[in-house]
PDB file of N, CA and C in Angstrom:
ATOM      1  N   MET A   1      20.824   4.562  18.418  1.00  0.00           N
ATOM      2  CA  MET A   1      20.514   3.456  17.492  1.00  0.00           C
ATOM      3  C   MET A   1      19.140   3.484  18.261  1.00  0.00           C
ATOM      4  N   ALA A   2      18.815   3.942  19.612  1.00  0.00           N
ATOM      5  CA  ALA A   2      17.810   3.791  20.502  1.00  0.00           C
ATOM      6  C   ALA A   2      16.857   5.001  19.941  1.00  0.00           C
ATOM      7  N   ASP A   3      16.999   5.928  19.768  1.00  0.00           N
ATOM      8  CA  ASP A   3      15.966   6.992  19.004  1.00  0.00           C
ATOM      9  C   ASP A   3      15.515   6.658  17.771  1.00  0.00           C
ATOM     10  N   PHE A   4      15.915   5.763  17.137  1.00  0.00           N
ATOM     11  CA  PHE A   4      15.559   5.320  16.056  1.00  0.00           C
ATOM     12  C   PHE A   4      14.402   4.464  16.050  1.00  0.00           C
ATOM     13  N   LEU A   5      14.660   3.221  17.543  1.00  0.00           N
ATOM     14  CA  LEU A   5      14.021   2.253  17.889  1.00  0.00           C
ATOM     15  C   LEU A   5      12.581   2.814  18.348  1.00  0.00           C
ATOM     16  N   TYR A   6      12.697   3.725  18.953  1.00  0.00           N
ATOM     17  CA  TYR A   6      11.963   4.774  19.969  1.00  0.00           C
ATOM     18  C   TYR A   6      11.341   5.287  18.807  1.00  0.00           C
ATOM     19  N   ARG A   7      11.339   5.760  17.749  1.00  0.00           N
ATOM     20  CA  ARG A   7      10.594   6.182  16.667  1.00  0.00           C
ATOM     21  C   ARG A   7       9.866   5.394  15.897  1.00  0.00           C
ATOM     22  N   LEU A   8      10.800   4.488  15.592  1.00  0.00           N
ATOM     23  CA  LEU A   8       9.576   3.092  15.184  1.00  0.00           C
ATOM     24  C   LEU A   8       8.794   2.746  16.347  1.00  0.00           C
ATOM     25  N   ARG A   9       8.643   2.617  17.552  1.00  0.00           N
ATOM     26  CA  ARG A   9       7.693   2.270  18.304  1.00  0.00           C
ATOM     27  C   ARG A   9       6.701   3.594  18.476  1.00  0.00           C
ATOM     28  N   SER A  10       7.092   4.582  18.327  1.00  0.00           N
ATOM     29  CA  SER A  10       5.921   5.641  18.335  1.00  0.00           C
ATOM     30  C   SER A  10       5.114   5.702  17.450  1.00  0.00           C
ATOM     31  N   LEU A  11       5.425   5.532  16.325  1.00  0.00           N
ATOM     32  CA  LEU A  11       4.461   5.144  15.066  1.00  0.00           C
ATOM     33  C   LEU A  11       2.929   4.783  15.264  1.00  0.00           C
ATOM     34  N   VAL A  12       2.780   3.643  16.341  1.00  0.00           N
ATOM     35  CA  VAL A  12       2.128   3.176  16.710  1.00  0.00           C
ATOM     36  C   VAL A  12       1.128   3.739  18.346  1.00  0.00           C
ATOM     37  N   SER A  13       0.245   3.819  18.760  1.00  0.00           N
ATOM     38  CA  SER A  13      -0.049   3.833  20.307  1.00  0.00           C
ATOM     39  C   SER A  13      -1.726   3.095  20.595  1.00  0.00           C
ATOM     40  N   VAL A  14      -2.005   2.884  21.518  1.00  0.00           N
ATOM     41  CA  VAL A  14      -2.821   2.247  21.852  1.00  0.00           C
ATOM     42  C   VAL A  14      -4.072   3.030  22.235  1.00  0.00           C
ATOM     43  N   GLN A  15      -5.651   3.576  21.716  1.00  0.00           N
ATOM     44  CA  GLN A  15      -6.332   4.524  22.216  1.00  0.00           C
ATOM     45  C   GLN A  15      -7.476   2.862  22.855  1.00  0.00           C
ATOM     46  N   ALA A  16      -8.123   3.185  23.547  1.00  0.00           N
ATOM     47  CA  ALA A  16      -8.966   2.679  24.569  1.00  0.00           C
ATOM     48  C   ALA A  16      -9.235   1.249  23.861  1.00  0.00           C
ATOM     49  N   GLY A  17      -7.807   0.904  24.081  1.00  0.00           N
ATOM     50  CA  GLY A  17      -7.640  -0.543  24.140  1.00  0.00           C
ATOM     51  C   GLY A  17      -7.541  -1.054  22.135  1.00  0.00           C
ATOM     52  N   ARG A  18      -7.333  -0.500  21.570  1.00  0.00           N
ATOM     53  CA  ARG A  18      -7.334  -0.599  20.024  1.00  0.00           C
ATOM     54  C   ARG A  18      -5.522  -0.107  19.427  1.00  0.00           C
ATOM     55  N   LEU A  19      -5.442  -0.709  18.690  1.00  0.00           N
ATOM     56  CA  LEU A  19      -4.040   0.038  18.024  1.00  0.00           C
ATOM     57  C   LEU A  19      -4.326   1.533  17.306  1.00  0.00           C
ATOM     58  N   ASP A  20      -3.859   1.980  17.312  1.00  0.00           N
ATOM     59  CA  ASP A  20      -4.018   3.359  16.389  1.00  0.00           C
ATOM     60  C   ASP A  20      -2.558   3.917  15.431  1.00  0.00           C
ATOM     61  N   ALA A  21      -2.778   3.440  14.086  1.00  0.00           N
ATOM     62  CA  ALA A  21      -1.469   3.712  13.566  1.00  0.00           C
ATOM     63  C   ALA A  21      -2.005   4.258  11.709  1.00  0.00           C
ATOM     64  N   THR A  22      -1.000   4.897  11.453  1.00  0.00           N
ATOM     65  CA  THR A  22      -1.260   5.221   9.521  1.00  0.00           C
ATOM     66  C   THR A  22       0.138   4.736   9.185  1.00  0.00           C
ATOM     67  N   GLY A  23       0.125   4.950   8.349  1.00  0.00           N
ATOM     68  CA  GLY A  23       1.247   4.291   7.639  1.00  0.00           C
ATOM     69  C   GLY A  23       1.725   3.076   7.472  1.00  0.00           C
ATOM     70  N   ARG A  24       3.079   2.576   7.558  1.00  0.00           N
ATOM     71  CA  ARG A  24       3.802   1.496   7.753  1.00  0.00           C
ATOM     72  C   ARG A  24       3.801   0.796   8.643  1.00  0.00           C
ATOM     73  N   LEU A  25       3.806  -0.272   9.048  1.00  0.00           N
ATOM     74  CA  LEU A  25       4.079  -0.714  10.400  1.00  0.00           C
ATOM     75  C   LEU A  25       4.995  -1.618  10.307  1.00  0.00           C
ATOM     76  N   PHE A  26       6.092  -1.608  11.458  1.00  0.00           N
ATOM     77  CA  PHE A  26       7.230  -2.229  11.448  1.00  0.00           C
ATOM     78  C   PHE A  26       7.259  -2.984  12.573  1.00  0.00           C
ATOM     79  N   SER A  27       8.135  -4.056  12.262  1.00  0.00           N
ATOM     80  CA  SER A  27       8.020  -5.138  13.371  1.00  0.00           C
ATOM     81  C   SER A  27       9.791  -5.273  13.317  1.00  0.00           C
ATOM     82  N   VAL A  28      10.527  -5.041  14.351  1.00  0.00           N
ATOM     83  CA  VAL A  28      12.276  -5.443  14.543  1.00  0.00           C
ATOM     84  C   VAL A  28      12.301  -6.820  14.866  1.00  0.00           C
ATOM     85  N   ASP A  29      12.764  -7.699  13.301  1.00  0.00           N
ATOM     86  CA  ASP A  29      13.022  -9.157  13.968  1.00  0.00           C
ATOM     87  C   ASP A  29      14.394  -9.795  14.894  1.00  0.00           C
ATOM     88  N   THR A  30      15.642  -9.132  14.149  1.00  0.00           N
ATOM     89  CA  THR A  30      16.730  -9.287  14.158  1.00  0.00           C
ATOM     90  C   THR A  30      17.405  -7.673  14.630  1.00  0.00           C
ATOM     91  N   LEU A  31      18.045  -7.656  15.963  1.00  0.00           N
ATOM     92  CA  LEU A  31      18.804  -6.526  16.519  1.00  0.00           C
ATOM     93  C   LEU A  31      20.103  -7.138  17.083  1.00  0.00           C
ATOM     94  N   THR A  32      21.576  -7.088  15.983  1.00  0.00           N
ATOM     95  CA  THR A  32      22.626  -7.366  16.703  1.00  0.00           C
ATOM     96  C   THR A  32      23.143  -6.659  16.643  1.00  0.00           C
ATOM     97  N   PHE A  33      24.416  -6.741  17.881  1.00  0.00           N
ATOM     98  CA  PHE A  33      25.594  -5.170  18.106  1.00  0.00           C
ATOM     99  C   PHE A  33      26.510  -5.950  17.556  1.00  0.00           C
ATOM    100  N   ASN A  34      27.983  -5.570  17.521  1.00  0.00           N
ATOM    101  CA  ASN A  34      29.193  -6.340  17.456  1.00  0.00           C
ATOM    102  C   ASN A  34      30.495  -5.156  17.243  1.00  0.00           C
ATOM    103  N   GLU A  35      31.057  -4.962  17.484  1.00  0.00           N
ATOM    104  CA  GLU A  35      32.623  -4.559  17.905  1.00  0.00           C
ATOM    105  C   GLU A  35      32.893  -4.097  16.658  1.00  0.00           C
ATOM    106  N   SER A  36      33.362  -2.979  16.299  1.00  0.00           N
ATOM    107  CA  SER A  36      33.305  -1.834  15.454  1.00  0.00           C
ATOM    108  C   SER A  36      34.893  -1.895  14.731  1.00  0.00           C
ATOM    109  N   THR A  37      34.511  -2.089  13.381  1.00  0.00           N
ATOM    110  CA  THR A  37      36.215  -1.949  13.278  1.00  0.00           C
ATOM    111  C   THR A  37      37.168  -0.820  13.238  1.00  0.00           C
ATOM    112  N   LEU A  38      36.571  -0.091  13.604  1.00  0.00           N
ATOM    113  CA  LEU A  38      37.048   1.571  14.479  1.00  0.00           C
ATOM    114  C   LEU A  38      37.365   1.329  15.635  1.00  0.00           C
ATOM    115  N   LYS A  39      37.223  -0.214  16.540  1.00  0.00           N
ATOM    116  CA  LYS A  39      37.159  -0.251  17.758  1.00  0.00           C
ATOM    117  C   LYS A  39      36.466   0.683  19.025  1.00  0.00           C
ATOM    118  N   PHE A  40      36.732   0.363  20.371  1.00  0.00           N
ATOM    119  CA  PHE A  40      36.011   1.171  21.114  1.00  0.00           C
ATOM    120  C   PHE A  40      36.067   2.528  21.025  1.00  0.00           C
ATOM    121  N   PRO A  41      35.087   3.255  21.255  1.00  0.00           N
ATOM    122  CA  PRO A  41      33.819   3.489  21.930  1.00  0.00           C
ATOM    123  C   PRO A  41      32.446   3.250  20.530  1.00  0.00           C
ATOM    124  N   ASN A  42      33.497   2.712  19.515  1.00  0.00           N
ATOM    125  CA  ASN A  42      32.168   2.511  18.423  1.00  0.00           C
ATOM    126  C   ASN A  42      32.024   1.066  18.336  1.00  0.00           C
ATOM    127  N   ILE A  43      30.272   1.231  18.227  1.00  0.00           N
ATOM    128  CA  ILE A  43      29.567  -0.370  18.042  1.00  0.00           C
ATOM    129  C   ILE A  43      29.780  -0.436  16.420  1.00  0.00           C
ATOM    130  N   GLN A  44      29.115  -1.736  15.684  1.00  0.00           N
ATOM    131  CA  GLN A  44      28.498  -2.032  14.380  1.00  0.00           C
ATOM    132  C   GLN A  44      26.959  -2.592  15.221  1.00  0.00           C
ATOM    133  N   ALA A  45      26.086  -1.812  14.087  1.00  0.00           N
ATOM    134  CA  ALA A  45      25.107  -2.681  14.549  1.00  0.00           C
ATOM    135  C   ALA A  45      23.891  -3.567  13.041  1.00  0.00           C
ATOM    136  N   SER A  46      23.681  -4.269  13.515  1.00  0.00           N
ATOM    137  CA  SER A  46      23.094  -4.729  12.162  1.00  0.00           C
ATOM    138  C   SER A  46      21.060  -5.087  12.261  1.00  0.00           C
ATOM    139  N   LEU A  47      20.480  -4.416  11.779  1.00  0.00           N
ATOM    140  CA  LEU A  47      19.342  -4.670  11.961  1.00  0.00           C
ATOM    141  C   LEU A  47      18.251  -5.222  11.154  1.00  0.00           C
ATOM    142  N   VAL A  48      17.342  -6.372  11.240  1.00  0.00           N
ATOM    143  CA  VAL A  48      16.491  -6.930  10.299  1.00  0.00           C
ATOM    144  C   VAL A  48      15.103  -6.624  10.899  1.00  0.00           C
ATOM    145  N   ILE A  49      14.222  -5.593   9.609  1.00  0.00           N
ATOM    146  CA  ILE A  49      12.890  -4.857  10.168  1.00  0.00           C
ATOM    147  C   ILE A  49      11.950  -5.638   8.687  1.00  0.00           C
ATOM    148  N   ASP A  50      11.177  -5.621   9.392  1.00  0.00           N
ATOM    149  CA  ASP A  50       9.909  -6.340   8.579  1.00  0.00           C
ATOM    150  C   ASP A  50       8.851  -5.078   8.671  1.00  0.00           C
ATOM    151  N   ALA A  51       8.627  -4.608   7.006  1.00  0.00           N
ATOM    152  CA  ALA A  51       7.495  -3.282   6.954  1.00  0.00           C
ATOM    153  C   ALA A  51       6.205  -4.052   6.691  1.00  0.00           C
ATOM    154  N   PHE A  52       5.170  -3.181   7.184  1.00  0.00           N
ATOM    155  CA  PHE A  52       4.447  -3.861   6.404  1.00  0.00           C
ATOM    156  C   PHE A  52       2.983  -2.304   6.143  1.00  0.00           C
ATOM    157  N   VAL A  53       2.507  -2.562   5.585  1.00  0.00           N
ATOM    158  CA  VAL A  53       1.299  -1.732   4.966  1.00  0.00           C
ATOM    159  C   VAL A  53      -0.371  -2.352   5.286  1.00  0.00           C
ATOM    160  N   TYR A  54      -0.910  -1.257   5.769  1.00  0.00           N
ATOM    161  CA  TYR A  54      -1.858  -1.388   6.516  1.00  0.00           C
ATOM    162  C   TYR A  54      -2.986  -0.818   4.981  1.00  0.00           C
ATOM    163  N   ALA A  55      -3.970  -1.670   4.537  1.00  0.00           N
ATOM    164  CA  ALA A  55      -4.533  -1.059   4.050  1.00  0.00           C
ATOM    165  C   ALA A  55      -6.034  -1.869   3.875  1.00  0.00           C
ATOM    166  N   ALA A  56      -6.784  -1.110   3.410  1.00  0.00           N
ATOM    167  CA  ALA A  56      -8.683  -1.752   3.233  1.00  0.00           C
ATOM    168  C   ALA A  56      -8.408  -2.927   2.335  1.00  0.00           C
ATOM    169  N   ALA A  57      -8.905  -3.666   2.354  1.00  0.00           N
ATOM    170  CA  ALA A  57      -9.221  -5.044   1.969  1.00  0.00           C
ATOM    171  C   ALA A  57      -9.316  -4.706   0.227  1.00  0.00           C
ATOM    172  N   PRO A  58      -8.570  -5.179  -0.949  1.00  0.00           N
ATOM    173  CA  PRO A  58      -9.021  -5.005  -2.734  1.00  0.00           C
ATOM    174  C   PRO A  58     -10.326  -5.280  -2.634  1.00  0.00           C
ATOM    175  N   ALA A  59     -10.895  -4.592  -3.521  1.00  0.00           N
ATOM    176  CA  ALA A  59     -11.850  -5.205  -4.329  1.00  0.00           C
ATOM    177  C   ALA A  59     -11.638  -6.033  -4.939  1.00  0.00           C
ATOM    178  N   PRO A  60     -13.158  -7.076  -4.697  1.00  0.00           N
ATOM    179  CA  PRO A  60     -13.103  -8.121  -5.759  1.00  0.00           C
ATOM    180  C   PRO A  60     -12.992  -8.309  -6.723  1.00  0.00           C
ATOM    181  N   ALA A  61     -12.140  -9.505  -7.280  1.00  0.00           N
ATOM    182  CA  ALA A  61     -12.047  -9.649  -9.143  1.00  0.00           C
ATOM    183  C   ALA A  61     -13.479  -9.540  -9.612  1.00  0.00           C
ATOM    184  N   PRO A  62     -13.665  -8.975 -11.335  1.00  0.00           N
ATOM    185  CA  PRO A  62     -14.716  -9.398 -11.480  1.00  0.00           C
ATOM    186  C   PRO A  62     -14.951 -10.957 -11.919  1.00  0.00           C
ATOM    187  N   ALA A  63     -16.369 -11.272 -12.088  1.00  0.00           N
ATOM    188  CA  ALA A  63     -17.176 -12.740 -12.386  1.00  0.00           C
ATOM    189  C   ALA A  63     -16.279 -12.719 -13.374  1.00  0.00           C
ATOM    190  N   ALA A  64     -16.145 -14.158 -13.744  1.00  0.00           N
ATOM    191  CA  ALA A  64     -15.515 -14.650 -15.466  1.00  0.00           C
ATOM    192  C   ALA A  64     -16.929 -14.505 -16.163  1.00  0.00           C
ATOM    193  N   THR A  65     -16.691 -14.020 -17.474  1.00  0.00           N
ATOM    194  CA  THR A  65     -17.429 -13.834 -18.312  1.00  0.00           C
ATOM    195  C   THR A  65     -18.336 -15.074 -18.497  1.00  0.00           C
ATOM    196  N   PRO A  66     -19.385 -15.373 -19.015  1.00  0.00           N
ATOM    197  CA  PRO A  66     -19.716 -16.757 -19.576  1.00  0.00           C
ATOM    198  C   PRO A  66     -19.204 -16.530 -20.990  1.00  0.00           C
ATOM    199  N   PRO A  67     -19.416 -17.623 -21.855  1.00  0.00           N
ATOM    200  CA  PRO A  67     -19.120 -17.914 -23.459  1.00  0.00           C
ATOM    201  C   PRO A  67     -20.078 -16.895 -23.749  1.00  0.00           C
ATOM    202  N   ALA A  68     -19.698 -16.543 -24.901  1.00  0.00           N
ATOM    203  CA  ALA A  68     -20.753 -15.961 -25.916  1.00  0.00           C
ATOM    204  C   ALA A  68     -21.813 -16.759 -26.604  1.00  0.00           C
ATOM    205  N   SER A  69     -22.800 -16.128 -26.682  1.00  0.00           N
ATOM    206  CA  SER A  69     -24.172 -17.180 -27.226  1.00  0.00           C
ATOM    207  C   SER A  69     -23.731 -17.628 -28.409  1.00  0.00           C
ATOM    208  N   GLY A  70     -24.031 -18.957 -28.755  1.00  0.00           N
ATOM    209  CA  GLY A  70     -23.923 -19.770 -30.272  1.00  0.00           C
ATOM    210  C   GLY A  70     -22.669 -20.511 -30.165  1.00  0.00           C
ATOM    211  N   THR A  71     -22.309 -19.989 -28.855  1.00  0.00           N
ATOM    212  CA  THR A  71     -21.036 -21.173 -29.000  1.00  0.00           C
ATOM    213  C   THR A  71     -21.373 -22.543 -27.981  1.00  0.00           C
ATOM    214  N   THR A  72     -20.797 -23.507 -28.975  1.00  0.00           N
ATOM    215  CA  THR A  72     -21.418 -25.397 -28.564  1.00  0.00           C
ATOM    216  C   THR A  72     -19.936 -25.900 -28.571  1.00  0.00           C
ATOM    217  N   THR A  73     -20.365 -26.921 -27.329  1.00  0.00           N
ATOM    218  CA  THR A  73     -19.247 -27.586 -26.596  1.00  0.00           C
ATOM    219  C   THR A  73     -19.812 -29.025 -27.462  1.00  0.00           C
ATOM    220  N   PRO A  74     -18.794 -29.517 -28.161  1.00  0.00           N
ATOM    221  CA  PRO A  74     -19.062 -30.844 -28.696  1.00  0.00           C
ATOM    222  C   PRO A  74     -18.942 -31.966 -27.737  1.00  0.00           C
ATOM    223  N   THR A  75     -20.389 -32.858 -27.968  1.00  0.00           N
ATOM    224  CA  THR A  75     -20.357 -33.906 -26.910  1.00  0.00           C
ATOM    225  C   THR A  75     -20.837 -35.311 -27.989  1.00  0.00           C
ATOM    226  N   THR A  76     -20.270 -36.544 -27.143  1.00  0.00           N
ATOM    227  CA  THR A  76     -20.247 -37.704 -27.984  1.00  0.00           C
ATOM    228  C   THR A  76     -21.127 -38.314 -26.678  1.00  0.00           C
ATOM    229  N   THR A  77     -21.854 -39.210 -27.284  1.00  0.00           N
ATOM    230  CA  THR A  77     -22.621 -40.205 -26.887  1.00  0.00           C
ATOM    231  C   THR A  77     -22.544 -41.625 -27.438  1.00  0.00           C
ATOM    232  N   ASP A  78     -22.769 -42.645 -26.462  1.00  0.00           N
ATOM    233  CA  ASP A  78     -22.759 -44.014 -26.880  1.00  0.00           C
ATOM    234  C   ASP A  78     -23.691 -44.668 -26.601  1.00  0.00           C
ATOM    235  N   SER A  79     -24.991 -44.795 -27.366  1.00  0.00           N
ATOM    236  CA  SER A  79     -25.829 -45.104 -27.049  1.00  0.00           C
ATOM    237  C   SER A  79     -26.251 -46.544 -27.249  1.00  0.00           C
ATOM    238  N   SER A  80     -25.240 -47.544 -27.735  1.00  0.00           N
ATOM    239  CA  SER A  80     -25.295 -49.083 -28.134  1.00  0.00           C
ATOM    240  C   SER A  80     -24.828 -49.559 -26.577  1.00  0.00           C
ATOM    241  N   SER A  81     -25.299 -50.779 -25.921  1.00  0.00           N
ATOM    242  CA  SER A  81     -25.121 -51.223 -24.815  1.00  0.00           C
ATOM    243  C   SER A  81     -25.094 -52.762 -25.183  1.00  0.00           C
ATOM    244  N   THR A  82     -24.797 -53.462 -24.221  1.00  0.00           N
ATOM    245  CA  THR A  82     -23.920 -54.642 -24.146  1.00  0.00           C
ATOM    246  C   THR A  82     -24.791 -55.679 -23.086  1.00  0.00           C
ATOM    247  N   SER A  83     -25.392 -56.859 -23.515  1.00  0.00           N
ATOM    248  CA  SER A  83     -25.996 -57.373 -22.448  1.00  0.00           C
ATOM    249  C   SER A  83     -25.336 -58.808 -22.541  1.00  0.00           C
ATOM    250  N   ALA A  84     -25.156 -59.563 -21.164  1.00  0.00           N
ATOM    251  CA  ALA A  84     -25.156 -60.530 -21.358  1.00  0.00           C
ATOM    252  C   ALA A  84     -25.591 -61.257 -20.953  1.00  0.00           C
ATOM    253  N   SER A  85     -25.940 -62.766 -21.437  1.00  0.00           N
ATOM    254  CA  SER A  85     -26.862 -63.917 -20.547  1.00  0.00           C
ATOM    255  C   SER A  85     -26.016 -64.187 -20.147  1.00  0.00           C
ATOM    256  N   ALA A  86     -26.275 -65.233 -18.601  1.00  0.00           N
ATOM    257  CA  ALA A  86     -25.575 -66.305 -17.915  1.00  0.00           C
ATOM    258  C   ALA A  86     -26.828 -67.309 -17.918  1.00  0.00           C
ATOM    259  N   THR A  87     -26.568 -68.509 -17.869  1.00  0.00           N
ATOM    260  CA  THR A  87     -27.256 -69.360 -17.714  1.00  0.00           C
ATOM    261  C   THR A  87     -26.261 -70.124 -16.783  1.00  0.00           C
ATOM    262  N   GLY A  88     -27.241 -70.966 -15.171  1.00  0.00           N
ATOM    263  CA  GLY A  88     -26.902 -71.468 -14.508  1.00  0.00           C
ATOM    264  C   GLY A  88     -27.721 -72.572 -13.960  1.00  0.00           C
ATOM    265  N   ALA A  89     -27.219 -73.493 -13.043  1.00  0.00           N
ATOM    266  CA  ALA A  89     -27.770 -74.014 -12.588  1.00  0.00           C
ATOM    267  C   ALA A  89     -28.627 -73.939 -11.283  1.00  0.00           C
ATOM    268  N   PRO A  90     -29.986 -74.569 -11.296  1.00  0.00           N
ATOM    269  CA  PRO A  90     -30.918 -73.656 -10.121  1.00  0.00           C
ATOM    270  C   PRO A  90     -30.429 -74.401  -8.807  1.00  0.00           C
TER     271      PRO A  90
END
């Protein structure tokens, strides 16, 4: 188990204050040890490891294409107006 964790850690190094890694990055989230069903000196270990792949940012999606020329969108305009008059005492 110690060798496995050491190898995970060795996949990343620090060069001039910057992380240097290729391929996947791993993060050990949980590590638990329990007594094995085979009893001492055997143990049972459980690991939860998150794996990340570092890659360049994906290319932007192509822009939406405008509607073809000659296509119209119907609109309705109401040109009537309502006026109200009010009378009041000065």
